[in-house]
Amino acid sequence: MIVDVSRLDGPARRAYKASLLAQLERERAATGLPHWIVVDEAHVPFGRDAETSKYFDPSQKGYCFVTYQPGELKDEVWKELDVIVALPSGRRILPAGSPDPIAVVEERWQKPFVQMVDAARFGQAVLARRDELSPPRVFTRAPRTSSHVRHWHKYARATLPENLCFHFHVEGSEPGYDAANLEDFHWALTTCALATVRFHAQRADFSRWIRSVIHDDELSAAVQELESRISDKTEDMDVDVVRAGLLSAIEQRYLE
């Protein structure tokens, strides 16, 4: 069952989530199910100032907290954590002034998370258990088994820092253009000169940016395949066909 709470304001949304978590705890106390409760953006319902006594029973275990702001979790939650999995992507595009989440985890558990996450390759993660004396270990994540439908408003409109923007190459005296998010990128790709498309496609700039900045491996692979169709000898008409394919790939991946 999926419940759409997007029309609720902040306080009403938080109140509903709290009531839902409380109901789940009552259900678990009575039946033992569900075995696991996964809480996304856990720093909101389980933040430092949140009153969680009605919906958080640490004795039940079976909680999975997902957050990019672990420092905001209340101490009661930190005391009950048995395992932490840290993803390199958890550090991407944090709000200005936000602490490094991996450094927060390292400070809390006194284990070398930062060094290991820095050394992790794409697709890897770092796992540690509280009761182990050994350092965290690196493992390779299995590919997801279901497709991920993404949305402009959630993934493509957040403004990127200047150093992560996509810089569109132009020739001559034409002004350049920087795409500060994927929606900007889509618009610029629609309007830029074919020479610009050719320039970036031959260098695999589009797929590299989508993979390293947007962190969308699936879209990056589709874009890379399209880029491979362009060479110095490719006719402008065919470059425009590739451009249309690039736009379509983005639109299919990021639905309104």
Protein backbone atom coordinates (compact mmCIF):
# COMPACT_ATOMS: atom_id res chain seq x y z
CA MET A 1 0.00 0.00 0.00
CA ILE A 2 1.28 3.46 -0.91
CA VAL A 3 -0.03 6.53 0.90
CA ASP A 4 0.49 9.92 -0.76
CA VAL A 5 1.11 12.55 1.93
CA SER A 6 2.43 15.21 -0.45
CA ARG A 7 -0.65 17.41 0.04
CA LEU A 8 -0.16 17.60 3.81
CA ASP A 9 1.83 20.45 5.32
CA GLY A 10 4.92 19.72 7.41
CA PRO A 11 3.32 19.38 10.88
CA ALA A 12 0.41 17.30 9.55
CA ARG A 13 2.79 15.03 7.65
CA ARG A 14 4.97 14.46 10.72
CA ALA A 15 1.90 13.76 12.86
CA TYR A 16 0.61 11.21 10.36
CA LYS A 17 3.96 9.43 10.17
CA ALA A 18 4.15 9.30 13.97
CA SER A 19 0.66 7.80 14.19
CA LEU A 20 1.55 5.25 11.51
CA LEU A 21 4.74 4.22 13.31
CA ALA A 22 2.79 3.89 16.56
CA GLN A 23 0.25 1.63 14.84
CA LEU A 24 3.04 -0.51 13.40
CA GLU A 25 4.55 -0.93 16.87
CA ARG A 26 1.19 -2.04 18.28
CA GLU A 27 0.90 -4.52 15.43
CA ARG A 28 4.37 -5.88 16.09
CA ALA A 29 3.65 -6.25 19.79
CA ALA A 30 0.52 -8.27 19.00
CA THR A 31 1.63 -10.38 16.02
CA GLY A 32 5.39 -10.06 15.65
CA LEU A 33 4.93 -8.53 12.21
CA PRO A 34 6.36 -6.70 10.37
CA HIS A 35 9.81 -8.08 11.10
CA TRP A 36 11.44 -4.90 9.81
CA ILE A 37 10.46 -1.24 9.74
CA VAL A 38 12.49 0.85 7.27
CA VAL A 39 12.40 4.58 8.02
CA ASP A 40 13.62 6.84 5.21
CA GLU A 41 14.87 10.33 6.14
CA ALA A 42 14.97 9.04 9.71
CA HIS A 43 16.44 12.30 11.00
CA VAL A 44 12.91 13.77 10.79
CA PRO A 45 10.75 11.38 12.89
CA PHE A 46 13.76 10.35 15.00
CA GLY A 47 15.46 13.74 15.26
CA ARG A 48 17.04 15.12 18.43
CA ASP A 49 13.90 16.92 19.58
CA ALA A 50 11.35 14.33 18.42
CA GLU A 51 9.11 12.64 20.99
CA THR A 52 9.41 9.00 19.99
CA SER A 53 8.18 7.12 23.07
CA LYS A 54 4.84 6.28 21.41
CA TYR A 55 6.34 4.69 18.32
CA PHE A 56 9.90 3.60 19.09
CA ASP A 57 10.47 0.42 21.09
CA PRO A 58 14.19 -0.44 20.93
CA SER A 59 13.58 -3.85 22.49
CA GLN A 60 11.77 -4.91 19.32
CA LYS A 61 14.84 -4.41 17.13
CA GLY A 62 14.14 -4.73 13.41
CA TYR A 63 14.58 -1.05 12.57
CA CYS A 64 16.49 0.23 9.54
CA PHE A 65 17.17 3.97 9.65
CA VAL A 66 18.06 5.65 6.35
CA THR A 67 19.46 9.18 6.58
CA TYR A 68 21.99 11.57 5.08
CA GLN A 69 22.06 13.56 8.35
CA PRO A 70 23.05 10.99 11.00
CA GLY A 71 24.16 13.74 13.34
CA GLU A 72 20.52 14.78 13.73
CA LEU A 73 19.42 11.39 15.10
CA LYS A 74 18.62 11.45 18.79
CA ASP A 75 20.99 9.72 21.22
CA GLU A 76 18.35 7.11 22.05
CA VAL A 77 18.57 5.85 18.47
CA TRP A 78 22.37 5.88 18.36
CA LYS A 79 22.52 3.75 21.53
CA GLU A 80 20.47 1.02 19.87
CA LEU A 81 22.28 0.77 16.54
CA ASP A 82 23.97 -2.58 15.98
CA VAL A 83 25.15 -2.24 12.36
CA ILE A 84 25.96 0.74 10.15
CA VAL A 85 26.26 0.67 6.36
CA ALA A 86 27.88 3.80 4.91
CA LEU A 87 27.54 4.67 1.22
CA PRO A 88 29.98 6.98 -0.59
CA SER A 89 26.97 8.60 -2.27
CA GLY A 90 25.72 9.71 1.16
CA ARG A 91 28.11 12.67 0.96
CA ARG A 92 26.82 14.01 -2.35
CA ILE A 93 25.28 17.45 -2.65
CA LEU A 94 24.73 18.13 1.03
CA PRO A 95 23.07 21.39 2.10
CA ALA A 96 25.57 24.19 2.63
CA GLY A 97 27.18 23.98 6.06
CA SER A 98 26.05 20.42 6.71
CA PRO A 99 28.58 18.16 8.44
CA ASP A 100 30.05 15.23 6.55
CA PRO A 101 27.75 12.30 7.45
CA ILE A 102 30.60 9.80 7.19
CA ALA A 103 32.72 11.84 9.61
CA VAL A 104 29.77 11.96 12.02
CA VAL A 105 29.51 8.16 11.96
CA GLU A 106 33.26 7.81 12.49
CA GLU A 107 33.21 10.13 15.49
CA ARG A 108 30.25 8.32 17.04
CA TRP A 109 31.63 4.82 16.65
CA GLN A 110 35.35 5.55 16.67
CA LYS A 111 35.93 3.40 13.59
CA PRO A 112 37.81 4.49 10.43
CA PHE A 113 34.78 5.08 8.21
CA VAL A 114 36.12 8.16 6.39
CA GLN A 115 39.30 6.51 5.14
CA MET A 116 37.45 3.41 3.97
CA VAL A 117 34.60 5.27 2.29
CA ASP A 118 37.12 7.50 0.51
CA ALA A 119 38.83 4.38 -0.84
CA ALA A 120 35.62 2.59 -1.84
CA ARG A 121 34.92 2.19 -5.54
CA PHE A 122 31.62 2.90 -7.24
CA GLY A 123 29.03 0.29 -6.24
CA GLN A 124 30.74 -0.50 -2.94
CA ALA A 125 29.71 0.31 0.62
CA VAL A 126 31.27 0.07 4.08
CA LEU A 127 29.78 -2.05 6.86
CA ALA A 128 30.61 -2.17 10.57
CA ARG A 129 29.14 -3.88 13.63
CA ARG A 130 29.17 -2.13 16.98
CA ASP A 131 30.43 -5.15 18.92
CA GLU A 132 33.31 -6.02 16.58
CA LEU A 133 36.84 -4.94 17.37
CA SER A 134 37.86 -5.35 13.75
CA PRO A 135 37.63 -2.32 11.44
CA PRO A 136 34.73 -1.79 9.04
CA ARG A 137 34.71 -3.93 5.90
CA VAL A 138 34.07 -3.00 2.28
CA PHE A 139 31.57 -4.98 0.24
CA THR A 140 30.10 -4.72 -3.25
CA ARG A 141 26.38 -4.12 -3.43
CA ALA A 142 24.23 -6.32 -5.66
CA PRO A 143 22.39 -4.48 -8.44
CA ARG A 144 18.83 -3.47 -7.59
CA THR A 145 16.12 -5.88 -8.76
CA SER A 146 13.45 -3.26 -9.48
CA SER A 147 13.54 -0.15 -11.61
CA HIS A 148 13.77 3.22 -9.91
CA VAL A 149 11.26 5.79 -11.14
CA ARG A 150 12.64 9.24 -10.49
CA HIS A 151 10.89 12.60 -10.57
CA TRP A 152 11.95 16.07 -11.68
CA HIS A 153 10.87 17.71 -8.43
CA LYS A 154 12.85 15.34 -6.21
CA TYR A 155 15.98 14.52 -8.17
CA ALA A 156 16.41 16.95 -11.03
CA ARG A 157 15.64 20.44 -9.71
CA ALA A 158 17.96 20.72 -6.72
CA THR A 159 20.64 23.32 -7.47
CA LEU A 160 24.14 21.89 -7.63
CA PRO A 161 27.25 23.63 -6.32
CA GLU A 162 29.07 25.51 -9.07
CA ASN A 163 31.91 22.99 -9.22
CA LEU A 164 29.42 20.19 -10.01
CA CYS A 165 27.50 22.00 -12.76
CA PHE A 166 27.72 20.76 -16.35
CA HIS A 167 29.59 23.29 -18.48
CA PHE A 168 28.33 23.28 -22.07
CA HIS A 169 31.11 23.93 -24.59
CA VAL A 170 30.50 26.60 -27.21
CA GLU A 171 32.55 27.76 -30.16
CA GLY A 172 33.57 31.28 -31.05
CA SER A 173 32.14 34.21 -29.12
CA GLU A 174 28.88 32.57 -28.09
CA PRO A 175 28.21 32.69 -24.34
CA GLY A 176 28.64 29.39 -22.54
CA TYR A 177 26.01 27.79 -20.35
CA ASP A 178 26.23 25.95 -17.03
CA ALA A 179 23.52 23.45 -16.09
CA ALA A 180 22.95 23.60 -12.33
CA ASN A 181 20.73 20.50 -12.27
CA LEU A 182 19.36 17.82 -14.57
CA GLU A 183 16.37 19.91 -15.60
CA ASP A 184 18.73 22.70 -16.72
CA PHE A 185 20.82 20.09 -18.50
CA HIS A 186 17.76 18.80 -20.38
CA TRP A 187 16.79 22.33 -21.44
CA ALA A 188 20.32 23.19 -22.59
CA LEU A 189 20.62 19.94 -24.52
CA THR A 190 17.40 20.84 -26.31
CA THR A 191 18.65 24.25 -27.44
CA CYS A 192 22.43 23.94 -27.86
CA ALA A 193 24.19 23.75 -31.23
CA LEU A 194 24.82 20.37 -32.84
CA ALA A 195 28.54 21.11 -32.60
CA THR A 196 28.15 21.21 -28.82
CA VAL A 197 26.37 17.85 -28.76
CA ARG A 198 29.10 16.37 -30.97
CA PHE A 199 31.90 17.81 -28.82
CA HIS A 200 30.59 16.42 -25.54
CA ALA A 201 29.35 13.09 -26.92
CA GLN A 202 32.74 12.22 -28.41
CA ARG A 203 34.32 12.82 -25.01
CA ALA A 204 31.55 10.90 -23.15
CA ASP A 205 31.03 14.03 -21.05
CA PHE A 206 27.26 13.57 -20.76
CA SER A 207 27.35 10.03 -19.38
CA ARG A 208 30.30 10.79 -17.11
CA TRP A 209 28.50 13.75 -15.50
CA ILE A 210 25.26 11.81 -15.04
CA ARG A 211 27.15 8.94 -13.43
CA SER A 212 29.50 10.93 -11.18
CA VAL A 213 27.28 13.87 -10.22
CA ILE A 214 23.67 12.72 -10.63
CA HIS A 215 24.62 9.19 -9.51
CA ASP A 216 22.25 7.53 -11.96
CA ASP A 217 24.09 4.50 -13.33
CA GLU A 218 21.19 3.27 -15.44
CA LEU A 219 20.68 6.56 -17.25
CA SER A 220 24.42 6.99 -17.65
CA ALA A 221 24.69 3.62 -19.40
CA ALA A 222 21.88 4.52 -21.81
CA VAL A 223 23.47 7.90 -22.54
CA GLN A 224 26.89 6.33 -23.06
CA GLU A 225 25.47 3.97 -25.67
CA LEU A 226 23.99 6.93 -27.54
CA GLU A 227 27.23 8.90 -27.29
CA SER A 228 29.13 6.01 -28.87
CA ARG A 229 27.20 6.55 -32.12
CA ILE A 230 28.88 9.90 -32.75
CA SER A 231 32.28 10.39 -34.36
CA ASP A 232 33.96 13.07 -36.48
CA LYS A 233 32.35 11.51 -39.55
CA THR A 234 28.79 11.46 -38.20
CA GLU A 235 26.41 13.60 -40.26
CA ASP A 236 24.67 16.49 -38.50
CA MET A 237 21.32 14.83 -39.16
CA ASP A 238 22.45 11.75 -37.22
CA VAL A 239 23.85 13.89 -34.41
CA ASP A 240 20.40 15.43 -34.08
CA VAL A 241 18.89 11.93 -33.91
CA VAL A 242 21.26 11.12 -31.04
CA ARG A 243 20.29 14.38 -29.33
CA ALA A 244 16.63 13.33 -29.54
CA GLY A 245 17.56 9.96 -28.05
CA LEU A 246 19.40 11.63 -25.18
CA LEU A 247 16.42 13.84 -24.40
CA SER A 248 14.06 10.87 -24.56
CA ALA A 249 16.23 8.81 -22.21
CA ILE A 250 16.17 11.59 -19.63
CA GLU A 251 12.42 12.12 -19.99
CA GLN A 252 11.65 8.41 -19.61
CA ARG A 253 13.82 8.17 -16.50
CA TYR A 254 12.54 11.29 -14.78
CA LEU A 255 8.77 11.49 -15.05
CA GLU A 256 6.68 14.40 -13.83
